[in-house]
Amino acid sequence: MGENIEVWRQVFQELMQEVKPWHTWTLTLDKDLLPNIQEPGWTQYQQWTFARFQCSSCSRSWASAQVQVLFHMNWSKRKSRGQVKMRVFAQRCKKCCQPPFETPEFTQENISRILYNLVLRILKKCYREEFKSIETIPTIKNISLEGPHDSDNCEACLQGFCAQGATNKFTCPQDHRSNAFSCK
């Protein structure tokens, strides 16, 4: 993800320039960001999406449709400046003994879809722009996935923040099978 953040930033800047060309927005990674724990004045947006992983120990690869991407955003009207902090929750290999958490790899198309959905949320929450309905774009799964979510190797589940984990600390009003939704 570290080497990929520039792609995220570039796509985010392009999307924001289309809708708010006179405003400045920044996107930064924050590995300490937690769901439902925002600084005063900040708003949250979460999305579960599809991504691929590769184990740095054994080179095994796997895909997941339950990759959590968390955003906290803040808009300063006085400064015409906005900030977005982003965290992508990792997963680890289920075949290795004591594997490290691996960061996911996203397709360019899914990065664009995730950030498009984020920009819609920014327009609604930060600019108070009203939409009859916000139509988020679902992310694309490029393979068919079978089997249950591997909660034992999901960073978000182990921290109690995954929608699929039994120990989640928050509730979401929408169906977990949808790829994009917001929790308050």
N, C-alpha and C. Protein backbone atom coordinates (compact mmCIF):
# COMPACT_ATOMS: atom_id res chain seq x y z
N MET A 1 0.83 -1.20 0.00
CA MET A 1 0.00 0.00 0.00
C MET A 1 0.87 1.25 0.00
N GLY A 2 2.00 1.20 0.68
CA GLY A 2 2.87 2.36 0.76
C GLY A 2 3.29 2.88 -0.61
N GLU A 3 3.71 1.97 -1.49
CA GLU A 3 4.12 2.39 -2.82
C GLU A 3 2.90 2.75 -3.68
N ASN A 4 1.74 2.31 -3.27
CA ASN A 4 0.51 2.53 -4.00
C ASN A 4 -0.21 3.82 -3.60
N ILE A 5 0.19 4.45 -2.51
CA ILE A 5 -0.52 5.62 -2.00
C ILE A 5 -0.52 6.77 -3.02
N GLU A 6 0.53 6.87 -3.81
CA GLU A 6 0.59 7.94 -4.81
C GLU A 6 -0.52 7.77 -5.86
N VAL A 7 -0.82 6.53 -6.21
CA VAL A 7 -1.93 6.28 -7.14
C VAL A 7 -3.24 6.74 -6.50
N TRP A 8 -3.45 6.40 -5.23
CA TRP A 8 -4.66 6.82 -4.51
C TRP A 8 -4.75 8.34 -4.48
N ARG A 9 -3.65 8.99 -4.16
CA ARG A 9 -3.63 10.47 -4.08
C ARG A 9 -3.96 11.10 -5.42
N GLN A 10 -3.35 10.59 -6.47
CA GLN A 10 -3.57 11.15 -7.81
C GLN A 10 -5.02 11.02 -8.23
N VAL A 11 -5.60 9.83 -8.06
CA VAL A 11 -7.00 9.61 -8.43
C VAL A 11 -7.91 10.50 -7.58
N PHE A 12 -7.63 10.58 -6.28
CA PHE A 12 -8.43 11.42 -5.39
C PHE A 12 -8.39 12.88 -5.83
N GLN A 13 -7.19 13.38 -6.15
CA GLN A 13 -7.05 14.77 -6.59
C GLN A 13 -7.83 15.02 -7.88
N GLU A 14 -7.75 14.09 -8.81
CA GLU A 14 -8.48 14.25 -10.08
C GLU A 14 -9.99 14.32 -9.83
N LEU A 15 -10.49 13.44 -8.98
CA LEU A 15 -11.92 13.43 -8.69
C LEU A 15 -12.37 14.69 -7.95
N MET A 16 -11.59 15.14 -6.98
CA MET A 16 -11.95 16.34 -6.24
C MET A 16 -11.88 17.59 -7.12
N GLN A 17 -10.91 17.63 -8.03
CA GLN A 17 -10.80 18.78 -8.93
C GLN A 17 -11.99 18.88 -9.87
N GLU A 18 -12.60 17.74 -10.19
CA GLU A 18 -13.79 17.76 -11.04
C GLU A 18 -14.97 18.42 -10.33
N VAL A 19 -15.10 18.18 -9.02
CA VAL A 19 -16.28 18.67 -8.30
C VAL A 19 -16.04 19.95 -7.51
N LYS A 20 -14.82 20.18 -7.04
CA LYS A 20 -14.49 21.37 -6.25
C LYS A 20 -13.11 21.90 -6.66
N PRO A 21 -13.00 22.44 -7.88
CA PRO A 21 -11.68 22.83 -8.40
C PRO A 21 -10.99 23.96 -7.63
N TRP A 22 -11.72 24.73 -6.84
CA TRP A 22 -11.11 25.85 -6.12
C TRP A 22 -10.72 25.49 -4.70
N HIS A 23 -10.94 24.25 -4.32
CA HIS A 23 -10.64 23.83 -2.95
C HIS A 23 -9.46 22.86 -2.94
N THR A 24 -8.73 22.88 -1.84
CA THR A 24 -7.57 22.01 -1.68
C THR A 24 -7.92 20.86 -0.74
N TRP A 25 -7.67 19.65 -1.18
CA TRP A 25 -7.88 18.46 -0.36
C TRP A 25 -6.60 17.62 -0.35
N THR A 26 -6.30 17.00 0.79
CA THR A 26 -5.15 16.10 0.89
C THR A 26 -5.63 14.73 1.36
N LEU A 27 -4.92 13.71 0.93
CA LEU A 27 -5.19 12.32 1.33
C LEU A 27 -3.91 11.75 1.91
N THR A 28 -3.98 11.27 3.16
CA THR A 28 -2.81 10.68 3.81
C THR A 28 -3.17 9.34 4.43
N LEU A 29 -2.18 8.47 4.52
CA LEU A 29 -2.35 7.20 5.22
C LEU A 29 -2.19 7.42 6.71
N ASP A 30 -3.00 6.73 7.50
CA ASP A 30 -2.90 6.77 8.96
C ASP A 30 -3.18 5.38 9.48
N LYS A 31 -2.13 4.65 9.83
CA LYS A 31 -2.27 3.25 10.27
C LYS A 31 -2.90 3.13 11.65
N ASP A 32 -3.08 4.25 12.35
CA ASP A 32 -3.69 4.22 13.68
C ASP A 32 -5.16 4.60 13.67
N LEU A 33 -5.72 4.89 12.50
CA LEU A 33 -7.12 5.28 12.39
C LEU A 33 -8.02 4.14 12.84
N LEU A 34 -9.05 4.46 13.62
CA LEU A 34 -9.98 3.45 14.10
C LEU A 34 -11.42 3.85 13.76
N PRO A 35 -12.26 2.85 13.41
CA PRO A 35 -13.66 3.15 13.12
C PRO A 35 -14.37 3.74 14.34
N ASN A 36 -15.22 4.70 14.07
CA ASN A 36 -16.09 5.32 15.08
C ASN A 36 -15.34 6.05 16.18
N ILE A 37 -14.07 6.38 15.95
CA ILE A 37 -13.29 7.17 16.90
C ILE A 37 -12.65 8.30 16.10
N GLN A 38 -13.42 9.39 15.93
CA GLN A 38 -12.94 10.52 15.14
C GLN A 38 -12.60 11.69 16.06
N GLU A 39 -11.70 12.51 15.58
CA GLU A 39 -11.41 13.78 16.25
C GLU A 39 -12.63 14.67 16.07
N PRO A 40 -12.82 15.64 16.98
CA PRO A 40 -13.96 16.56 16.82
C PRO A 40 -13.92 17.25 15.45
N GLY A 41 -15.08 17.32 14.81
CA GLY A 41 -15.18 17.97 13.50
C GLY A 41 -14.89 17.04 12.32
N TRP A 42 -14.54 15.81 12.60
CA TRP A 42 -14.23 14.86 11.53
C TRP A 42 -15.43 13.95 11.29
N THR A 43 -15.56 13.49 10.05
CA THR A 43 -16.61 12.58 9.64
C THR A 43 -15.97 11.30 9.12
N GLN A 44 -16.70 10.22 9.21
CA GLN A 44 -16.16 8.91 8.83
C GLN A 44 -16.90 8.33 7.63
N TYR A 45 -16.16 7.58 6.83
CA TYR A 45 -16.74 6.78 5.75
C TYR A 45 -15.97 5.47 5.69
N GLN A 46 -16.70 4.36 5.63
CA GLN A 46 -16.09 3.04 5.53
C GLN A 46 -16.61 2.34 4.30
N GLN A 47 -15.74 1.53 3.72
CA GLN A 47 -16.15 0.74 2.58
C GLN A 47 -15.47 -0.62 2.65
N TRP A 48 -16.24 -1.66 2.34
CA TRP A 48 -15.67 -3.00 2.23
C TRP A 48 -15.55 -3.28 0.76
N THR A 49 -14.40 -3.81 0.37
CA THR A 49 -14.11 -3.93 -1.05
C THR A 49 -13.32 -5.20 -1.35
N PHE A 50 -13.05 -5.42 -2.61
CA PHE A 50 -12.30 -6.57 -3.09
C PHE A 50 -10.84 -6.18 -3.30
N ALA A 51 -9.94 -7.06 -2.88
CA ALA A 51 -8.50 -6.86 -3.13
C ALA A 51 -7.79 -8.21 -3.08
N ARG A 52 -6.55 -8.20 -3.50
CA ARG A 52 -5.71 -9.41 -3.47
C ARG A 52 -4.58 -9.20 -2.47
N PHE A 53 -4.10 -10.32 -1.94
CA PHE A 53 -2.99 -10.31 -0.98
C PHE A 53 -1.95 -11.31 -1.43
N GLN A 54 -0.70 -11.07 -1.01
CA GLN A 54 0.36 -12.05 -1.23
C GLN A 54 1.21 -12.12 0.03
N CYS A 55 1.43 -13.33 0.51
CA CYS A 55 2.21 -13.55 1.72
C CYS A 55 3.69 -13.29 1.44
N SER A 56 4.31 -12.48 2.28
CA SER A 56 5.73 -12.18 2.11
C SER A 56 6.61 -13.32 2.61
N SER A 57 6.01 -14.29 3.33
CA SER A 57 6.79 -15.44 3.83
C SER A 57 6.80 -16.60 2.85
N CYS A 58 5.61 -17.00 2.37
CA CYS A 58 5.53 -18.20 1.52
C CYS A 58 5.11 -17.90 0.09
N SER A 59 4.82 -16.66 -0.23
CA SER A 59 4.39 -16.20 -1.56
C SER A 59 2.98 -16.67 -1.96
N ARG A 60 2.26 -17.29 -1.04
CA ARG A 60 0.88 -17.67 -1.32
C ARG A 60 0.06 -16.40 -1.58
N SER A 61 -0.89 -16.49 -2.51
CA SER A 61 -1.74 -15.34 -2.76
C SER A 61 -3.20 -15.74 -2.55
N TRP A 62 -4.01 -14.76 -2.18
CA TRP A 62 -5.44 -14.99 -1.97
C TRP A 62 -6.19 -13.69 -2.24
N ALA A 63 -7.48 -13.83 -2.40
CA ALA A 63 -8.34 -12.67 -2.64
C ALA A 63 -9.38 -12.60 -1.54
N SER A 64 -9.86 -11.40 -1.30
CA SER A 64 -10.90 -11.20 -0.29
C SER A 64 -11.85 -10.10 -0.76
N ALA A 65 -13.13 -10.32 -0.52
CA ALA A 65 -14.13 -9.28 -0.80
C ALA A 65 -14.51 -8.54 0.47
N GLN A 66 -13.76 -8.78 1.55
CA GLN A 66 -14.06 -8.16 2.84
C GLN A 66 -12.89 -7.32 3.33
N VAL A 67 -12.28 -6.57 2.43
CA VAL A 67 -11.17 -5.70 2.79
C VAL A 67 -11.77 -4.36 3.23
N GLN A 68 -11.47 -3.97 4.45
CA GLN A 68 -12.05 -2.74 4.97
C GLN A 68 -11.13 -1.55 4.68
N VAL A 69 -11.72 -0.51 4.09
CA VAL A 69 -11.03 0.75 3.85
C VAL A 69 -11.77 1.80 4.67
N LEU A 70 -11.04 2.49 5.54
CA LEU A 70 -11.62 3.46 6.45
C LEU A 70 -11.10 4.86 6.11
N PHE A 71 -12.01 5.82 6.06
CA PHE A 71 -11.65 7.21 5.81
C PHE A 71 -12.21 8.08 6.92
N HIS A 72 -11.41 9.04 7.38
CA HIS A 72 -11.89 10.14 8.23
C HIS A 72 -11.62 11.41 7.46
N MET A 73 -12.61 12.30 7.41
CA MET A 73 -12.46 13.50 6.61
C MET A 73 -12.87 14.73 7.40
N ASN A 74 -12.20 15.84 7.07
CA ASN A 74 -12.45 17.10 7.75
C ASN A 74 -12.38 18.22 6.74
N TRP A 75 -13.36 19.14 6.80
CA TRP A 75 -13.41 20.28 5.89
C TRP A 75 -13.36 21.57 6.68
N SER A 76 -12.45 22.46 6.33
CA SER A 76 -12.38 23.79 6.92
C SER A 76 -12.88 24.78 5.89
N LYS A 77 -14.11 25.23 6.07
CA LYS A 77 -14.71 26.18 5.13
C LYS A 77 -13.92 27.48 5.11
N ARG A 78 -13.48 27.90 6.28
CA ARG A 78 -12.73 29.16 6.41
C ARG A 78 -11.46 29.13 5.57
N LYS A 79 -10.77 27.99 5.54
CA LYS A 79 -9.51 27.87 4.80
C LYS A 79 -9.69 27.29 3.39
N SER A 80 -10.92 26.86 3.06
CA SER A 80 -11.18 26.15 1.80
C SER A 80 -10.21 24.98 1.64
N ARG A 81 -10.05 24.25 2.74
CA ARG A 81 -9.07 23.16 2.77
C ARG A 81 -9.69 21.94 3.45
N GLY A 82 -9.48 20.78 2.84
CA GLY A 82 -10.00 19.54 3.40
C GLY A 82 -8.90 18.51 3.57
N GLN A 83 -9.11 17.63 4.53
CA GLN A 83 -8.15 16.56 4.79
C GLN A 83 -8.90 15.23 4.84
N VAL A 84 -8.27 14.20 4.30
CA VAL A 84 -8.78 12.84 4.42
C VAL A 84 -7.65 11.97 4.94
N LYS A 85 -7.95 11.24 6.00
CA LYS A 85 -7.02 10.23 6.52
C LYS A 85 -7.60 8.88 6.11
N MET A 86 -6.72 7.97 5.74
CA MET A 86 -7.16 6.69 5.19
C MET A 86 -6.41 5.54 5.86
N ARG A 87 -7.12 4.47 6.14
CA ARG A 87 -6.48 3.25 6.63
C ARG A 87 -7.08 2.07 5.89
N VAL A 88 -6.22 1.17 5.45
CA VAL A 88 -6.64 -0.07 4.83
C VAL A 88 -6.24 -1.19 5.79
N PHE A 89 -7.22 -1.98 6.20
CA PHE A 89 -6.94 -3.07 7.13
C PHE A 89 -6.34 -4.26 6.38
N ALA A 90 -5.36 -4.88 7.01
CA ALA A 90 -4.58 -5.95 6.40
C ALA A 90 -5.16 -7.33 6.72
N GLN A 91 -4.59 -8.33 6.08
CA GLN A 91 -4.90 -9.73 6.39
C GLN A 91 -3.59 -10.49 6.42
N ARG A 92 -3.64 -11.68 7.02
CA ARG A 92 -2.42 -12.50 7.03
C ARG A 92 -2.72 -13.89 6.47
N CYS A 93 -1.66 -14.55 6.07
CA CYS A 93 -1.74 -15.86 5.45
C CYS A 93 -2.22 -16.90 6.46
N LYS A 94 -3.15 -17.74 6.04
CA LYS A 94 -3.65 -18.78 6.94
C LYS A 94 -2.81 -20.05 6.89
N LYS A 95 -1.86 -20.13 5.99
CA LYS A 95 -1.02 -21.33 5.85
C LYS A 95 0.28 -21.23 6.65
N CYS A 96 0.75 -20.01 6.91
CA CYS A 96 2.04 -19.82 7.59
C CYS A 96 1.88 -19.79 9.11
N CYS A 97 2.96 -20.12 9.79
CA CYS A 97 3.01 -20.02 11.24
C CYS A 97 3.50 -18.62 11.60
N GLN A 98 2.75 -17.89 12.37
CA GLN A 98 3.04 -16.51 12.78
C GLN A 98 3.35 -15.60 11.58
N PRO A 99 2.42 -15.53 10.64
CA PRO A 99 2.65 -14.69 9.46
C PRO A 99 2.46 -13.21 9.78
N PRO A 100 3.12 -12.36 9.02
CA PRO A 100 2.90 -10.91 9.19
C PRO A 100 1.59 -10.51 8.51
N PHE A 101 1.04 -9.37 8.90
CA PHE A 101 -0.11 -8.83 8.20
C PHE A 101 0.37 -8.27 6.87
N GLU A 102 -0.37 -8.58 5.82
CA GLU A 102 -0.02 -8.14 4.48
C GLU A 102 -1.00 -7.06 4.03
N THR A 103 -0.50 -6.06 3.33
CA THR A 103 -1.37 -5.02 2.81
C THR A 103 -1.96 -5.48 1.48
N PRO A 104 -3.19 -5.10 1.21
CA PRO A 104 -3.83 -5.56 -0.01
C PRO A 104 -3.37 -4.81 -1.25
N GLU A 105 -3.57 -5.45 -2.38
CA GLU A 105 -3.30 -4.85 -3.68
C GLU A 105 -4.64 -4.66 -4.37
N PHE A 106 -4.91 -3.44 -4.82
CA PHE A 106 -6.17 -3.10 -5.46
C PHE A 106 -5.95 -2.88 -6.95
N THR A 107 -6.96 -3.19 -7.74
CA THR A 107 -6.89 -2.85 -9.16
C THR A 107 -7.10 -1.34 -9.29
N GLN A 108 -6.61 -0.77 -10.36
CA GLN A 108 -6.80 0.65 -10.63
C GLN A 108 -8.30 0.97 -10.68
N GLU A 109 -9.08 0.09 -11.27
CA GLU A 109 -10.52 0.34 -11.38
C GLU A 109 -11.19 0.37 -10.00
N ASN A 110 -10.80 -0.53 -9.11
CA ASN A 110 -11.40 -0.52 -7.77
C ASN A 110 -10.94 0.69 -6.96
N ILE A 111 -9.71 1.12 -7.13
CA ILE A 111 -9.25 2.35 -6.47
C ILE A 111 -10.14 3.51 -6.91
N SER A 112 -10.38 3.61 -8.20
CA SER A 112 -11.23 4.69 -8.73
C SER A 112 -12.64 4.60 -8.18
N ARG A 113 -13.19 3.41 -8.08
CA ARG A 113 -14.55 3.24 -7.57
C ARG A 113 -14.63 3.59 -6.08
N ILE A 114 -13.67 3.15 -5.31
CA ILE A 114 -13.65 3.45 -3.87
C ILE A 114 -13.58 4.96 -3.66
N LEU A 115 -12.69 5.62 -4.41
CA LEU A 115 -12.51 7.06 -4.24
C LEU A 115 -13.68 7.86 -4.80
N TYR A 116 -14.33 7.37 -5.83
CA TYR A 116 -15.54 8.01 -6.33
C TYR A 116 -16.60 8.01 -5.22
N ASN A 117 -16.77 6.87 -4.56
CA ASN A 117 -17.72 6.77 -3.46
C ASN A 117 -17.34 7.70 -2.31
N LEU A 118 -16.05 7.82 -2.03
CA LEU A 118 -15.58 8.74 -1.00
C LEU A 118 -15.93 10.19 -1.36
N VAL A 119 -15.70 10.57 -2.60
CA VAL A 119 -16.00 11.94 -3.03
C VAL A 119 -17.49 12.23 -2.89
N LEU A 120 -18.35 11.28 -3.23
CA LEU A 120 -19.79 11.46 -3.02
C LEU A 120 -20.09 11.72 -1.54
N ARG A 121 -19.42 10.97 -0.66
CA ARG A 121 -19.63 11.14 0.78
C ARG A 121 -19.12 12.50 1.24
N ILE A 122 -18.00 12.96 0.70
CA ILE A 122 -17.46 14.29 1.04
C ILE A 122 -18.46 15.37 0.62
N LEU A 123 -19.01 15.25 -0.57
CA LEU A 123 -19.99 16.24 -1.04
C LEU A 123 -21.20 16.30 -0.11
N LYS A 124 -21.62 15.15 0.35
CA LYS A 124 -22.80 15.11 1.23
C LYS A 124 -22.48 15.58 2.64
N LYS A 125 -21.42 15.06 3.22
CA LYS A 125 -21.13 15.32 4.64
C LYS A 125 -20.39 16.64 4.87
N CYS A 126 -19.47 16.99 4.00
CA CYS A 126 -18.65 18.18 4.22
C CYS A 126 -19.24 19.43 3.57
N TYR A 127 -19.87 19.26 2.42
CA TYR A 127 -20.44 20.40 1.70
C TYR A 127 -21.96 20.48 1.85
N ARG A 128 -22.53 19.50 2.49
CA ARG A 128 -23.98 19.45 2.71
C ARG A 128 -24.77 19.49 1.41
N GLU A 129 -24.17 18.93 0.36
CA GLU A 129 -24.89 18.86 -0.91
C GLU A 129 -25.88 17.71 -0.83
N GLU A 130 -27.08 17.99 -1.23
CA GLU A 130 -28.14 17.00 -1.15
C GLU A 130 -28.27 16.25 -2.47
N PHE A 131 -28.46 14.97 -2.34
CA PHE A 131 -28.72 14.11 -3.48
C PHE A 131 -30.02 13.39 -3.20
N LYS A 132 -30.80 13.14 -4.23
CA LYS A 132 -32.03 12.38 -4.01
C LYS A 132 -31.66 11.01 -3.43
N SER A 133 -30.64 10.43 -3.97
CA SER A 133 -30.07 9.21 -3.39
C SER A 133 -28.63 9.13 -3.85
N ILE A 134 -27.80 8.68 -2.96
CA ILE A 134 -26.39 8.52 -3.32
C ILE A 134 -26.22 7.11 -3.88
N GLU A 135 -25.81 7.05 -5.11
CA GLU A 135 -25.58 5.76 -5.75
C GLU A 135 -24.09 5.46 -5.73
N THR A 136 -23.69 4.65 -4.79
CA THR A 136 -22.29 4.26 -4.76
C THR A 136 -22.06 3.20 -5.83
N ILE A 137 -20.86 3.16 -6.32
CA ILE A 137 -20.50 2.20 -7.35
C ILE A 137 -19.88 0.98 -6.67
N PRO A 138 -20.42 -0.21 -6.89
CA PRO A 138 -19.81 -1.39 -6.27
C PRO A 138 -18.44 -1.68 -6.87
N THR A 139 -17.57 -2.22 -6.05
CA THR A 139 -16.25 -2.61 -6.55
C THR A 139 -16.39 -3.92 -7.31
N ILE A 140 -15.36 -4.24 -8.06
CA ILE A 140 -15.40 -5.40 -8.95
C ILE A 140 -14.59 -6.55 -8.36
N LYS A 141 -15.20 -7.71 -8.34
CA LYS A 141 -14.49 -8.94 -7.97
C LYS A 141 -14.05 -9.58 -9.27
N ASN A 142 -12.76 -9.78 -9.42
CA ASN A 142 -12.29 -10.34 -10.68
C ASN A 142 -12.19 -11.86 -10.66
N ILE A 143 -12.59 -12.48 -9.53
CA ILE A 143 -12.67 -13.93 -9.45
C ILE A 143 -13.88 -14.28 -8.59
N SER A 144 -14.33 -15.51 -8.72
CA SER A 144 -15.42 -15.98 -7.88
C SER A 144 -14.84 -16.42 -6.54
N LEU A 145 -15.46 -15.98 -5.46
CA LEU A 145 -14.96 -16.32 -4.12
C LEU A 145 -15.91 -17.28 -3.44
N GLU A 146 -15.34 -18.27 -2.79
CA GLU A 146 -16.14 -19.22 -2.04
C GLU A 146 -15.56 -19.34 -0.64
N GLY A 147 -16.40 -19.77 0.27
CA GLY A 147 -15.93 -20.00 1.63
C GLY A 147 -16.21 -18.83 2.54
N PRO A 148 -16.09 -19.08 3.84
CA PRO A 148 -16.37 -18.03 4.82
C PRO A 148 -15.23 -17.04 4.95
N HIS A 149 -15.54 -15.91 5.53
CA HIS A 149 -14.54 -14.89 5.84
C HIS A 149 -13.59 -15.46 6.89
N ASP A 150 -12.28 -15.29 6.70
CA ASP A 150 -11.26 -15.82 7.60
C ASP A 150 -11.00 -14.83 8.74
N SER A 151 -11.88 -14.83 9.72
CA SER A 151 -11.80 -13.86 10.83
C SER A 151 -10.52 -13.98 11.64
N ASP A 152 -9.94 -15.17 11.71
CA ASP A 152 -8.72 -15.36 12.50
C ASP A 152 -7.51 -14.64 11.90
N ASN A 153 -7.60 -14.30 10.62
CA ASN A 153 -6.47 -13.66 9.94
C ASN A 153 -6.81 -12.29 9.36
N CYS A 154 -7.92 -11.74 9.80
CA CYS A 154 -8.36 -10.41 9.36
C CYS A 154 -8.02 -9.41 10.46
N GLU A 155 -7.20 -8.41 10.13
CA GLU A 155 -6.79 -7.41 11.11
C GLU A 155 -8.00 -6.69 11.71
N ALA A 156 -8.97 -6.34 10.88
CA ALA A 156 -10.15 -5.64 11.37
C ALA A 156 -10.96 -6.51 12.33
N CYS A 157 -11.10 -7.80 12.02
CA CYS A 157 -11.81 -8.72 12.93
C CYS A 157 -11.08 -8.83 14.27
N LEU A 158 -9.77 -9.01 14.21
CA LEU A 158 -8.99 -9.19 15.43
C LEU A 158 -9.02 -7.96 16.32
N GLN A 159 -9.24 -6.79 15.71
CA GLN A 159 -9.35 -5.55 16.49
C GLN A 159 -10.80 -5.23 16.83
N GLY A 160 -11.74 -6.10 16.39
CA GLY A 160 -13.14 -5.92 16.70
C GLY A 160 -13.87 -4.94 15.81
N PHE A 161 -13.36 -4.70 14.59
CA PHE A 161 -13.95 -3.69 13.73
C PHE A 161 -14.46 -4.20 12.39
N CYS A 162 -14.48 -5.49 12.17
CA CYS A 162 -14.91 -6.01 10.88
C CYS A 162 -16.40 -6.32 10.90
N ALA A 163 -17.07 -5.98 9.83
CA ALA A 163 -18.50 -6.26 9.71
C ALA A 163 -18.77 -7.76 9.69
N GLN A 164 -17.79 -8.55 9.26
CA GLN A 164 -17.98 -9.99 9.17
C GLN A 164 -17.65 -10.72 10.46
N GLY A 165 -16.82 -10.09 11.31
CA GLY A 165 -16.38 -10.76 12.54
C GLY A 165 -17.47 -10.81 13.59
N ALA A 166 -17.44 -11.83 14.42
CA ALA A 166 -18.46 -12.01 15.46
C ALA A 166 -18.28 -11.02 16.59
N THR A 167 -17.09 -10.39 16.69
CA THR A 167 -16.83 -9.51 17.83
C THR A 167 -16.91 -8.04 17.47
N ASN A 168 -17.61 -7.72 16.36
CA ASN A 168 -17.59 -6.32 15.95
C ASN A 168 -18.22 -5.42 17.00
N LYS A 169 -17.68 -4.20 17.11
CA LYS A 169 -18.07 -3.25 18.14
C LYS A 169 -19.08 -2.22 17.65
N PHE A 170 -19.50 -2.35 16.39
CA PHE A 170 -20.47 -1.40 15.87
C PHE A 170 -21.47 -2.16 15.02
N THR A 171 -22.58 -1.54 14.73
CA THR A 171 -23.58 -2.18 13.89
C THR A 171 -23.79 -1.34 12.65
N CYS A 172 -24.06 -2.01 11.57
CA CYS A 172 -24.29 -1.35 10.30
C CYS A 172 -25.69 -1.69 9.85
N PRO A 173 -26.44 -0.70 9.39
CA PRO A 173 -27.82 -0.93 9.03
C PRO A 173 -28.02 -1.65 7.71
N GLN A 174 -27.00 -1.75 6.90
CA GLN A 174 -27.20 -2.33 5.58
C GLN A 174 -26.63 -3.74 5.51
N ASP A 175 -27.00 -4.42 4.48
CA ASP A 175 -26.61 -5.80 4.24
C ASP A 175 -25.11 -5.89 3.98
N HIS A 176 -24.43 -6.81 4.64
CA HIS A 176 -22.97 -6.95 4.48
C HIS A 176 -22.58 -7.43 3.10
N ARG A 177 -23.52 -7.96 2.34
CA ARG A 177 -23.17 -8.46 1.01
C ARG A 177 -22.96 -7.33 0.02
N SER A 178 -23.44 -6.13 0.34
CA SER A 178 -23.19 -5.01 -0.56
C SER A 178 -21.73 -4.62 -0.42
N ASN A 179 -21.12 -4.17 -1.49
CA ASN A 179 -19.69 -3.85 -1.46
C ASN A 179 -19.38 -2.48 -0.91
N ALA A 180 -20.35 -1.59 -0.90
CA ALA A 180 -20.06 -0.23 -0.47
C ALA A 180 -21.19 0.27 0.42
N PHE A 181 -20.86 0.67 1.61
CA PHE A 181 -21.85 1.28 2.49
C PHE A 181 -21.18 2.05 3.58
N SER A 182 -21.94 2.87 4.22
CA SER A 182 -21.41 3.74 5.26
C SER A 182 -22.00 3.38 6.59
N CYS A 183 -21.19 3.44 7.60
CA CYS A 183 -21.66 3.22 8.97
C CYS A 183 -21.47 4.51 9.73
N LYS A 184 -22.39 4.80 10.60
CA LYS A 184 -22.27 6.03 11.40
C LYS A 184 -21.92 5.69 12.81
